[in-house]
């Protein structure tokens, strides 16, 4: 019973020590949606297998556009590419992190690709040039993208020093990414405001 009580107390203490990191990304005072925020604790990140990426690992083709515009997936994830359009698509990427090609396939057909290396995957369609999207393959469980208000929460981050990175395909910075050191609180919620410079977003079918 003493051992069980000790383990329960240890687990409770470990959980209570974790914090949620609330990040707000702005450019010229305006919210930046679809910015990928990743956190790398100095103490070391938890295993990717323990990550809670609770959104679909898929890049849909619909209305002659990819959806979502930016998809965040963990290293080693298999992503589905369902075609919901009435026309055929030919999906490809020339990105160094993972070059691939999904030759012409039609409505209600799906192809899959496994992404084994972290990095940015820029997507296109060989038939419809206006179709552009990005997959950000991450090597940390503390990762998510900002919503329409430019906000995102990274849950259960360990306390202490950490490196935070903010990436967006149209962010003005080397490799479209800015990095800053932060100190994660022992419990509760941290709030980090990040100001960035952005290039003008090109028109996109259906908006962003």
C-alpha atoms as a PDB file:
ATOM      1  CA  UNK A   1       0.000   0.000   0.000  1.00  0.00           C
ATOM      2  CA  UNK A   2       2.881   2.366   0.809  1.00  0.00           C
ATOM      3  CA  UNK A   3       4.433   1.733  -2.607  1.00  0.00           C
ATOM      4  CA  UNK A   4       1.099   2.340  -4.347  1.00  0.00           C
ATOM      5  CA  UNK A   5       0.555   5.542  -2.400  1.00  0.00           C
ATOM      6  CA  UNK A   6       4.072   6.706  -3.284  1.00  0.00           C
ATOM      7  CA  UNK A   7       3.548   6.012  -6.984  1.00  0.00           C
ATOM      8  CA  UNK A   8       0.222   7.831  -6.986  1.00  0.00           C
ATOM      9  CA  UNK A   9       1.776  10.809  -5.237  1.00  0.00           C
ATOM     10  CA  UNK A  10       4.691  10.815  -7.678  1.00  0.00           C
ATOM     11  CA  UNK A  11       2.389  10.686 -10.695  1.00  0.00           C
ATOM     12  CA  UNK A  12       0.248  13.485  -9.294  1.00  0.00           C
ATOM     13  CA  UNK A  13       3.288  15.623  -8.612  1.00  0.00           C
ATOM     14  CA  UNK A  14       4.678  15.030 -12.095  1.00  0.00           C
ATOM     15  CA  UNK A  15       1.368  15.893 -13.721  1.00  0.00           C
ATOM     16  CA  UNK A  16       0.817  18.978 -11.585  1.00  0.00           C
ATOM     17  CA  UNK A  17       4.297  20.243 -12.437  1.00  0.00           C
ATOM     18  CA  UNK A  18       3.472  20.357 -16.155  1.00  0.00           C
ATOM     19  CA  UNK A  19       2.211  23.595 -17.639  1.00  0.00           C
ATOM     20  CA  UNK A  20       0.196  24.757 -20.629  1.00  0.00           C
ATOM     21  CA  UNK A  21       2.042  27.251 -22.817  1.00  0.00           C
ATOM     22  CA  UNK A  22      -0.349  29.741 -24.436  1.00  0.00           C
ATOM     23  CA  UNK A  23       1.221  31.384 -27.489  1.00  0.00           C
ATOM     24  CA  UNK A  24      -0.164  34.376 -29.372  1.00  0.00           C
ATOM     25  CA  UNK A  25       1.383  35.163 -32.780  1.00  0.00           C
ATOM     26  CA  UNK A  26       0.878  38.628 -34.310  1.00  0.00           C
ATOM     27  CA  UNK A  27       2.152  40.533 -37.337  1.00  0.00           C
ATOM     28  CA  UNK A  28       1.620  44.289 -37.242  1.00  0.00           C
ATOM     29  CA  UNK A  29      -0.845  43.732 -34.418  1.00  0.00           C
ATOM     30  CA  UNK A  30      -2.954  41.327 -36.486  1.00  0.00           C
ATOM     31  CA  UNK A  31      -3.352  37.614 -35.709  1.00  0.00           C
ATOM     32  CA  UNK A  32      -1.353  35.104 -37.727  1.00  0.00           C
ATOM     33  CA  UNK A  33      -3.249  31.889 -38.403  1.00  0.00           C
ATOM     34  CA  UNK A  34      -1.583  28.607 -39.410  1.00  0.00           C
ATOM     35  CA  UNK A  35       1.689  29.385 -37.656  1.00  0.00           C
ATOM     36  CA  UNK A  36       3.257  26.182 -36.337  1.00  0.00           C
ATOM     37  CA  UNK A  37       4.610  26.512 -32.800  1.00  0.00           C
ATOM     38  CA  UNK A  38       7.006  23.866 -31.488  1.00  0.00           C
ATOM     39  CA  UNK A  39       8.602  23.579 -28.072  1.00  0.00           C
ATOM     40  CA  UNK A  40      11.876  21.847 -27.206  1.00  0.00           C
ATOM     41  CA  UNK A  41      12.427  21.565 -23.430  1.00  0.00           C
ATOM     42  CA  UNK A  42      16.056  21.711 -22.304  1.00  0.00           C
ATOM     43  CA  UNK A  43      15.303  18.693 -20.127  1.00  0.00           C
ATOM     44  CA  UNK A  44      14.365  16.703 -23.220  1.00  0.00           C
ATOM     45  CA  UNK A  45      11.001  16.120 -24.852  1.00  0.00           C
ATOM     46  CA  UNK A  46       8.695  13.236 -24.123  1.00  0.00           C
ATOM     47  CA  UNK A  47       8.517  10.446 -26.679  1.00  0.00           C
ATOM     48  CA  UNK A  48       6.637  11.273 -29.871  1.00  0.00           C
ATOM     49  CA  UNK A  49       4.557   8.165 -29.215  1.00  0.00           C
ATOM     50  CA  UNK A  50       3.134   9.962 -26.172  1.00  0.00           C
ATOM     51  CA  UNK A  51       2.086  13.014 -28.185  1.00  0.00           C
ATOM     52  CA  UNK A  52      -1.553  13.948 -28.469  1.00  0.00           C
ATOM     53  CA  UNK A  53      -1.993  15.079 -32.048  1.00  0.00           C
ATOM     54  CA  UNK A  54      -5.769  14.912 -31.952  1.00  0.00           C
ATOM     55  CA  UNK A  55      -6.509  16.183 -35.450  1.00  0.00           C
ATOM     56  CA  UNK A  56      -6.865  14.015 -38.594  1.00  0.00           C
ATOM     57  CA  UNK A  57      -3.629  12.965 -40.255  1.00  0.00           C
ATOM     58  CA  UNK A  58      -4.977  13.784 -43.688  1.00  0.00           C
ATOM     59  CA  UNK A  59      -4.669  16.361 -46.463  1.00  0.00           C
ATOM     60  CA  UNK A  60      -8.001  16.545 -48.279  1.00  0.00           C
ATOM     61  CA  UNK A  61      -8.408  17.623 -51.893  1.00  0.00           C
ATOM     62  CA  UNK A  62     -11.742  19.400 -52.266  1.00  0.00           C
ATOM     63  CA  UNK A  63     -13.048  22.381 -54.246  1.00  0.00           C
ATOM     64  CA  UNK A  64      -9.757  22.365 -56.167  1.00  0.00           C
ATOM     65  CA  UNK A  65      -7.811  23.103 -53.020  1.00  0.00           C
ATOM     66  CA  UNK A  66      -5.899  21.297 -50.295  1.00  0.00           C
ATOM     67  CA  UNK A  67      -7.350  21.336 -46.810  1.00  0.00           C
ATOM     68  CA  UNK A  68      -5.970  22.210 -44.329  1.00  0.00           C
ATOM     69  CA  UNK A  69      -3.551  24.807 -45.650  1.00  0.00           C
ATOM     70  CA  UNK A  70      -1.020  23.737 -42.995  1.00  0.00           C
ATOM     71  CA  UNK A  71      -1.009  20.279 -41.412  1.00  0.00           C
ATOM     72  CA  UNK A  72       1.162  19.407 -38.410  1.00  0.00           C
ATOM     73  CA  UNK A  73       2.154  15.751 -38.083  1.00  0.00           C
ATOM     74  CA  UNK A  74       4.663  13.872 -35.912  1.00  0.00           C
ATOM     75  CA  UNK A  75       7.742  12.309 -37.439  1.00  0.00           C
ATOM     76  CA  UNK A  76       6.856   8.826 -38.662  1.00  0.00           C
ATOM     77  CA  UNK A  77       3.193   9.665 -39.343  1.00  0.00           C
ATOM     78  CA  UNK A  78       1.299   8.270 -42.307  1.00  0.00           C
ATOM     79  CA  UNK A  79      -0.833  10.944 -43.955  1.00  0.00           C
ATOM     80  CA  UNK A  80      -3.876  10.200 -46.096  1.00  0.00           C
ATOM     81  CA  UNK A  81      -4.577  12.199 -49.274  1.00  0.00           C
ATOM     82  CA  UNK A  82      -8.278  11.659 -50.080  1.00  0.00           C
ATOM     83  CA  UNK A  83      -9.667  13.161 -53.287  1.00  0.00           C
ATOM     84  CA  UNK A  84     -13.204  14.488 -52.727  1.00  0.00           C
ATOM     85  CA  UNK A  85     -13.346  16.417 -56.003  1.00  0.00           C
ATOM     86  CA  UNK A  86     -15.068  15.287 -59.191  1.00  0.00           C
ATOM     87  CA  UNK A  87     -11.795  15.708 -61.092  1.00  0.00           C
ATOM     88  CA  UNK A  88      -8.526  13.846 -60.795  1.00  0.00           C
ATOM     89  CA  UNK A  89      -5.495  15.196 -58.939  1.00  0.00           C
ATOM     90  CA  UNK A  90      -1.773  14.533 -59.191  1.00  0.00           C
ATOM     91  CA  UNK A  91      -0.177  15.406 -55.835  1.00  0.00           C
ATOM     92  CA  UNK A  92       3.568  15.936 -55.525  1.00  0.00           C
ATOM     93  CA  UNK A  93       6.334  17.503 -53.450  1.00  0.00           C
ATOM     94  CA  UNK A  94       9.902  18.385 -54.350  1.00  0.00           C
ATOM     95  CA  UNK A  95      10.788  19.228 -50.743  1.00  0.00           C
ATOM     96  CA  UNK A  96      14.150  17.809 -49.575  1.00  0.00           C
ATOM     97  CA  UNK A  97      12.562  16.391 -46.405  1.00  0.00           C
ATOM     98  CA  UNK A  98      10.442  14.031 -48.512  1.00  0.00           C
ATOM     99  CA  UNK A  99      10.035  14.012 -52.280  1.00  0.00           C
ATOM    100  CA  UNK A 100       7.042  12.042 -53.511  1.00  0.00           C
ATOM    101  CA  UNK A 101       4.458  11.828 -56.282  1.00  0.00           C
ATOM    102  CA  UNK A 102       0.887  10.512 -56.204  1.00  0.00           C
ATOM    103  CA  UNK A 103      -0.064  10.038 -59.821  1.00  0.00           C
ATOM    104  CA  UNK A 104      -3.509  10.869 -61.149  1.00  0.00           C
ATOM    105  CA  UNK A 105      -6.363   9.494 -59.059  1.00  0.00           C
ATOM    106  CA  UNK A 106     -10.040  10.352 -58.917  1.00  0.00           C
ATOM    107  CA  UNK A 107     -13.026  11.023 -56.713  1.00  0.00           C
ATOM    108  CA  UNK A 108     -13.325   9.076 -53.447  1.00  0.00           C
ATOM    109  CA  UNK A 109      -9.898   7.541 -53.951  1.00  0.00           C
ATOM    110  CA  UNK A 110      -7.184   7.896 -51.310  1.00  0.00           C
ATOM    111  CA  UNK A 111      -3.423   7.586 -51.330  1.00  0.00           C
ATOM    112  CA  UNK A 112      -1.104   7.599 -48.300  1.00  0.00           C
ATOM    113  CA  UNK A 113       2.455   8.758 -47.629  1.00  0.00           C
ATOM    114  CA  UNK A 114       4.632   8.102 -44.577  1.00  0.00           C
ATOM    115  CA  UNK A 115       6.901  10.955 -43.457  1.00  0.00           C
ATOM    116  CA  UNK A 116       9.984   9.655 -41.644  1.00  0.00           C
ATOM    117  CA  UNK A 117      12.044  12.843 -41.410  1.00  0.00           C
ATOM    118  CA  UNK A 118      11.206  16.174 -39.748  1.00  0.00           C
ATOM    119  CA  UNK A 119      10.906  19.178 -42.016  1.00  0.00           C
ATOM    120  CA  UNK A 120       8.577  21.150 -44.254  1.00  0.00           C
ATOM    121  CA  UNK A 121       6.720  19.465 -47.103  1.00  0.00           C
ATOM    122  CA  UNK A 122       5.425  21.919 -49.714  1.00  0.00           C
ATOM    123  CA  UNK A 123       2.577  20.366 -51.698  1.00  0.00           C
ATOM    124  CA  UNK A 124       1.295  21.005 -55.188  1.00  0.00           C
ATOM    125  CA  UNK A 125      -0.966  19.478 -57.803  1.00  0.00           C
ATOM    126  CA  UNK A 126       0.479  18.840 -61.249  1.00  0.00           C
ATOM    127  CA  UNK A 127      -2.931  19.580 -62.797  1.00  0.00           C
ATOM    128  CA  UNK A 128      -4.152  22.559 -60.745  1.00  0.00           C
ATOM    129  CA  UNK A 129      -1.422  25.120 -60.054  1.00  0.00           C
ATOM    130  CA  UNK A 130      -3.530  27.045 -57.521  1.00  0.00           C
ATOM    131  CA  UNK A 131      -3.471  24.088 -55.141  1.00  0.00           C
ATOM    132  CA  UNK A 132      -0.800  24.826 -52.518  1.00  0.00           C
ATOM    133  CA  UNK A 133      -0.433  23.531 -48.963  1.00  0.00           C
ATOM    134  CA  UNK A 134       2.212  22.554 -46.434  1.00  0.00           C
ATOM    135  CA  UNK A 135       2.875  19.673 -44.063  1.00  0.00           C
ATOM    136  CA  UNK A 136       5.115  20.432 -41.083  1.00  0.00           C
ATOM    137  CA  UNK A 137       6.657  17.191 -39.820  1.00  0.00           C
ATOM    138  CA  UNK A 138       7.798  17.741 -36.230  1.00  0.00           C
ATOM    139  CA  UNK A 139      10.140  15.845 -33.917  1.00  0.00           C
ATOM    140  CA  UNK A 140       8.618  17.016 -30.629  1.00  0.00           C
ATOM    141  CA  UNK A 141       5.271  16.170 -29.011  1.00  0.00           C
ATOM    142  CA  UNK A 142       4.810  19.828 -28.079  1.00  0.00           C
ATOM    143  CA  UNK A 143       3.544  21.181 -31.385  1.00  0.00           C
ATOM    144  CA  UNK A 144       0.389  22.712 -32.838  1.00  0.00           C
ATOM    145  CA  UNK A 145      -0.687  25.539 -35.138  1.00  0.00           C
ATOM    146  CA  UNK A 146      -2.377  28.825 -34.381  1.00  0.00           C
ATOM    147  CA  UNK A 147      -6.091  29.310 -34.969  1.00  0.00           C
ATOM    148  CA  UNK A 148      -7.812  32.193 -36.774  1.00  0.00           C
ATOM    149  CA  UNK A 149      -7.134  34.402 -33.728  1.00  0.00           C
ATOM    150  CA  UNK A 150      -3.406  33.666 -33.909  1.00  0.00           C
ATOM    151  CA  UNK A 151      -3.498  31.632 -30.695  1.00  0.00           C
ATOM    152  CA  UNK A 152      -2.402  28.130 -29.755  1.00  0.00           C
ATOM    153  CA  UNK A 153      -1.885  26.154 -26.547  1.00  0.00           C
ATOM    154  CA  UNK A 154       0.860  23.572 -26.072  1.00  0.00           C
ATOM    155  CA  UNK A 155      -0.295  21.248 -23.303  1.00  0.00           C
ATOM    156  CA  UNK A 156       1.625  19.546 -20.488  1.00  0.00           C
ATOM    157  CA  UNK A 157       5.042  21.053 -21.148  1.00  0.00           C
ATOM    158  CA  UNK A 158       7.683  20.233 -18.527  1.00  0.00           C
ATOM    159  CA  UNK A 159       8.835  23.183 -16.408  1.00  0.00           C
ATOM    160  CA  UNK A 160      12.161  24.875 -16.991  1.00  0.00           C
ATOM    161  CA  UNK A 161      14.125  26.298 -19.891  1.00  0.00           C
ATOM    162  CA  UNK A 162      12.905  25.532 -23.401  1.00  0.00           C
ATOM    163  CA  UNK A 163      13.421  26.603 -26.986  1.00  0.00           C
ATOM    164  CA  UNK A 164      10.281  27.737 -28.798  1.00  0.00           C
ATOM    165  CA  UNK A 165      10.074  27.957 -32.582  1.00  0.00           C
ATOM    166  CA  UNK A 166       7.403  29.622 -34.714  1.00  0.00           C
ATOM    167  CA  UNK A 167       7.161  28.704 -38.410  1.00  0.00           C
ATOM    168  CA  UNK A 168       4.877  29.896 -41.191  1.00  0.00           C
ATOM    169  CA  UNK A 169       5.391  29.487 -44.950  1.00  0.00           C
ATOM    170  CA  UNK A 170       5.157  33.282 -45.450  1.00  0.00           C
ATOM    171  CA  UNK A 171       7.081  34.405 -42.367  1.00  0.00           C
ATOM    172  CA  UNK A 172       9.992  36.774 -43.062  1.00  0.00           C
ATOM    173  CA  UNK A 173      12.920  34.963 -41.449  1.00  0.00           C
ATOM    174  CA  UNK A 174      15.573  32.380 -42.366  1.00  0.00           C
ATOM    175  CA  UNK A 175      13.761  29.145 -43.219  1.00  0.00           C
ATOM    176  CA  UNK A 176      10.485  30.981 -42.445  1.00  0.00           C
ATOM    177  CA  UNK A 177      11.067  30.429 -38.737  1.00  0.00           C
ATOM    178  CA  UNK A 178      11.889  32.435 -35.602  1.00  0.00           C
ATOM    179  CA  UNK A 179      13.327  30.973 -32.405  1.00  0.00           C
ATOM    180  CA  UNK A 180      13.347  32.220 -28.818  1.00  0.00           C
ATOM    181  CA  UNK A 181      14.253  30.847 -25.442  1.00  0.00           C
ATOM    182  CA  UNK A 182      11.532  30.755 -22.801  1.00  0.00           C
ATOM    183  CA  UNK A 183      11.109  29.567 -19.228  1.00  0.00           C
ATOM    184  CA  UNK A 184       8.104  27.303 -18.686  1.00  0.00           C
ATOM    185  CA  UNK A 185       6.398  27.744 -15.321  1.00  0.00           C
ATOM    186  CA  UNK A 186       6.189  24.860 -12.870  1.00  0.00           C
ATOM    187  CA  UNK A 187       2.405  24.670 -13.120  1.00  0.00           C
ATOM    188  CA  UNK A 188      -0.569  26.536 -14.547  1.00  0.00           C
ATOM    189  CA  UNK A 189      -0.259  28.443 -17.811  1.00  0.00           C
ATOM    190  CA  UNK A 190       2.491  30.489 -19.439  1.00  0.00           C
ATOM    191  CA  UNK A 191       1.637  33.202 -21.942  1.00  0.00           C
ATOM    192  CA  UNK A 192       4.059  34.034 -24.728  1.00  0.00           C
ATOM    193  CA  UNK A 193       3.464  36.874 -27.218  1.00  0.00           C
ATOM    194  CA  UNK A 194       5.390  36.551 -30.482  1.00  0.00           C
ATOM    195  CA  UNK A 195       5.605  39.404 -32.996  1.00  0.00           C
ATOM    196  CA  UNK A 196       6.674  38.424 -36.512  1.00  0.00           C
ATOM    197  CA  UNK A 197       7.022  39.973 -39.958  1.00  0.00           C
ATOM    198  CA  UNK A 198       4.993  38.391 -42.741  1.00  0.00           C
ATOM    199  CA  UNK A 199       5.024  38.477 -46.512  1.00  0.00           C
ATOM    200  CA  UNK A 200       1.695  39.115 -48.212  1.00  0.00           C
ATOM    201  CA  UNK A 201      -0.365  35.936 -48.489  1.00  0.00           C
ATOM    202  CA  UNK A 202      -1.332  35.119 -52.097  1.00  0.00           C
ATOM    203  CA  UNK A 203      -5.027  34.658 -52.951  1.00  0.00           C
ATOM    204  CA  UNK A 204      -6.330  31.223 -52.093  1.00  0.00           C
ATOM    205  CA  UNK A 205      -9.528  29.453 -53.146  1.00  0.00           C
ATOM    206  CA  UNK A 206     -11.773  29.324 -50.082  1.00  0.00           C
ATOM    207  CA  UNK A 207      -9.463  31.648 -48.123  1.00  0.00           C
ATOM    208  CA  UNK A 208      -7.170  30.666 -45.277  1.00  0.00           C
END
